[in-house]
Amino acid sequence: MLKLSVKPGEYVLIGDDIKIVFAGGSSNNIRILVDAPKSYNIARSEALERYGMAPDPGNEVKHYRDRELSPEAKEKIKAILMEERKKARRAEAAKNPLKKYGGS
């Protein structure tokens, strides 16, 4: 098991197609965004326990049609992604300070 400390907006990549973004939280709960192909069965342990299911093959939680994200959620995701891009640009600029002024 891997234990990580992350800050809001940071993310963890799992393989080539799963991204887990830490969206914030408090000492008692956290909010994460999971971006993964629909072919992966993703379920919270609480949901599995509530329905008396074990996380074994054949016990997949049935998925229903995706609900549209709320405008607030879309804005939060957009803000997190924009902040990540800004951080990447700042890091790149810090590595190559002369590039901004046409230097090499």
Protein backbone atom coordinates (compact mmCIF):
# COMPACT_ATOMS: atom_id res chain seq x y z
CA MET A 1 0.00 0.00 0.00
CA LEU A 2 1.24 3.48 -0.85
CA LYS A 3 0.59 6.39 1.55
CA LEU A 4 0.80 9.89 0.09
CA SER A 5 0.37 13.42 1.39
CA VAL A 6 -1.25 15.67 -1.18
CA LYS A 7 -2.53 19.22 -1.36
CA PRO A 8 -5.77 20.35 -3.01
CA GLY A 9 -5.37 20.29 -6.78
CA GLU A 10 -2.60 17.69 -6.75
CA TYR A 11 -3.28 14.37 -8.39
CA VAL A 12 -2.08 10.79 -8.58
CA LEU A 13 -1.77 8.91 -11.86
CA ILE A 14 -2.40 5.16 -11.88
CA GLY A 15 -1.22 3.59 -15.10
CA ASP A 16 -2.03 5.41 -18.33
CA ASP A 17 -5.74 5.89 -17.83
CA ILE A 18 -6.63 6.62 -14.18
CA LYS A 19 -6.21 10.00 -12.52
CA ILE A 20 -7.23 10.75 -8.93
CA VAL A 21 -7.43 14.46 -8.07
CA PHE A 22 -7.52 15.62 -4.44
CA ALA A 23 -10.15 18.36 -4.39
CA GLY A 24 -9.88 19.30 -0.70
CA GLY A 25 -11.55 18.34 2.53
CA SER A 26 -11.17 18.42 6.29
CA SER A 27 -9.64 16.22 8.94
CA ASN A 28 -12.65 13.89 8.87
CA ASN A 29 -13.36 13.68 5.16
CA ILE A 30 -11.75 14.37 1.81
CA ARG A 31 -13.07 15.02 -1.66
CA ILE A 32 -11.48 13.30 -4.61
CA LEU A 33 -12.24 13.23 -8.31
CA VAL A 34 -11.62 9.94 -10.10
CA ASP A 35 -11.11 10.05 -13.85
CA ALA A 36 -11.11 6.48 -15.17
CA PRO A 37 -12.58 4.51 -18.06
CA LYS A 38 -16.11 3.21 -17.49
CA SER A 39 -14.79 -0.33 -17.79
CA TYR A 40 -13.31 -0.01 -14.27
CA ASN A 41 -15.62 -0.76 -11.37
CA ILE A 42 -15.11 2.02 -8.83
CA ALA A 43 -17.09 1.81 -5.59
CA ARG A 44 -16.66 3.18 -2.09
CA SER A 45 -16.20 0.61 0.66
CA GLU A 46 -19.23 2.09 2.45
CA ALA A 47 -21.41 1.35 -0.57
CA LEU A 48 -20.14 -2.22 -0.78
CA GLU A 49 -20.83 -2.76 2.93
CA ARG A 50 -24.29 -1.19 2.70
CA TYR A 51 -25.35 -3.60 -0.03
CA GLY A 52 -23.56 -6.59 1.51
CA MET A 53 -21.18 -6.98 -1.39
CA ALA A 54 -17.56 -7.98 -1.38
CA PRO A 55 -15.15 -6.32 -3.81
CA ASP A 56 -14.78 -9.54 -5.82
CA PRO A 57 -15.32 -10.14 -9.54
CA GLY A 58 -18.99 -10.68 -10.23
CA ASN A 59 -20.06 -8.36 -7.43
CA GLU A 60 -19.78 -5.17 -9.43
CA VAL A 61 -21.98 -2.29 -8.41
CA LYS A 62 -24.48 -1.57 -11.17
CA HIS A 63 -23.93 1.79 -12.81
CA TYR A 64 -26.71 3.96 -14.07
CA ARG A 65 -26.71 6.64 -16.71
CA ASP A 66 -24.26 9.40 -15.81
CA ARG A 67 -25.79 12.53 -14.41
CA GLU A 68 -24.65 15.79 -15.85
CA LEU A 69 -22.09 17.57 -13.68
CA SER A 70 -23.41 20.65 -11.95
CA PRO A 71 -22.16 24.01 -13.18
CA GLU A 72 -20.38 24.44 -9.82
CA ALA A 73 -18.54 21.13 -10.23
CA LYS A 74 -17.55 22.03 -13.79
CA GLU A 75 -16.17 25.37 -12.58
CA LYS A 76 -14.20 23.69 -9.76
CA ILE A 77 -12.69 21.18 -12.17
CA LYS A 78 -11.85 23.94 -14.63
CA ALA A 79 -10.20 26.00 -11.86
CA ILE A 80 -8.12 23.03 -10.67
CA LEU A 81 -6.94 22.27 -14.21
CA MET A 82 -6.11 25.92 -14.90
CA GLU A 83 -4.11 26.13 -11.66
CA GLU A 84 -2.19 22.97 -12.60
CA ARG A 85 -1.33 24.47 -15.99
CA LYS A 86 -0.15 27.69 -14.31
CA LYS A 87 2.04 25.71 -11.92
CA ALA A 88 3.55 23.78 -14.83
CA ARG A 89 4.26 27.02 -16.73
CA ARG A 90 5.83 28.62 -13.63
CA ALA A 91 8.01 25.56 -13.06
CA GLU A 92 9.11 25.60 -16.71
CA ALA A 93 9.83 29.34 -16.53
CA ALA A 94 11.87 28.83 -13.37
CA LYS A 95 13.98 26.20 -15.13
CA ASN A 96 14.53 28.41 -18.23
CA PRO A 97 14.36 32.07 -17.10
CA LEU A 98 15.99 33.40 -20.29
CA LYS A 99 13.44 31.71 -22.57
CA LYS A 100 10.87 34.39 -21.68
CA TYR A 101 13.15 37.08 -23.12
CA GLY A 102 14.13 35.24 -26.25
CA GLY A 103 17.34 33.80 -24.82
CA SER A 104 18.31 30.14 -24.99
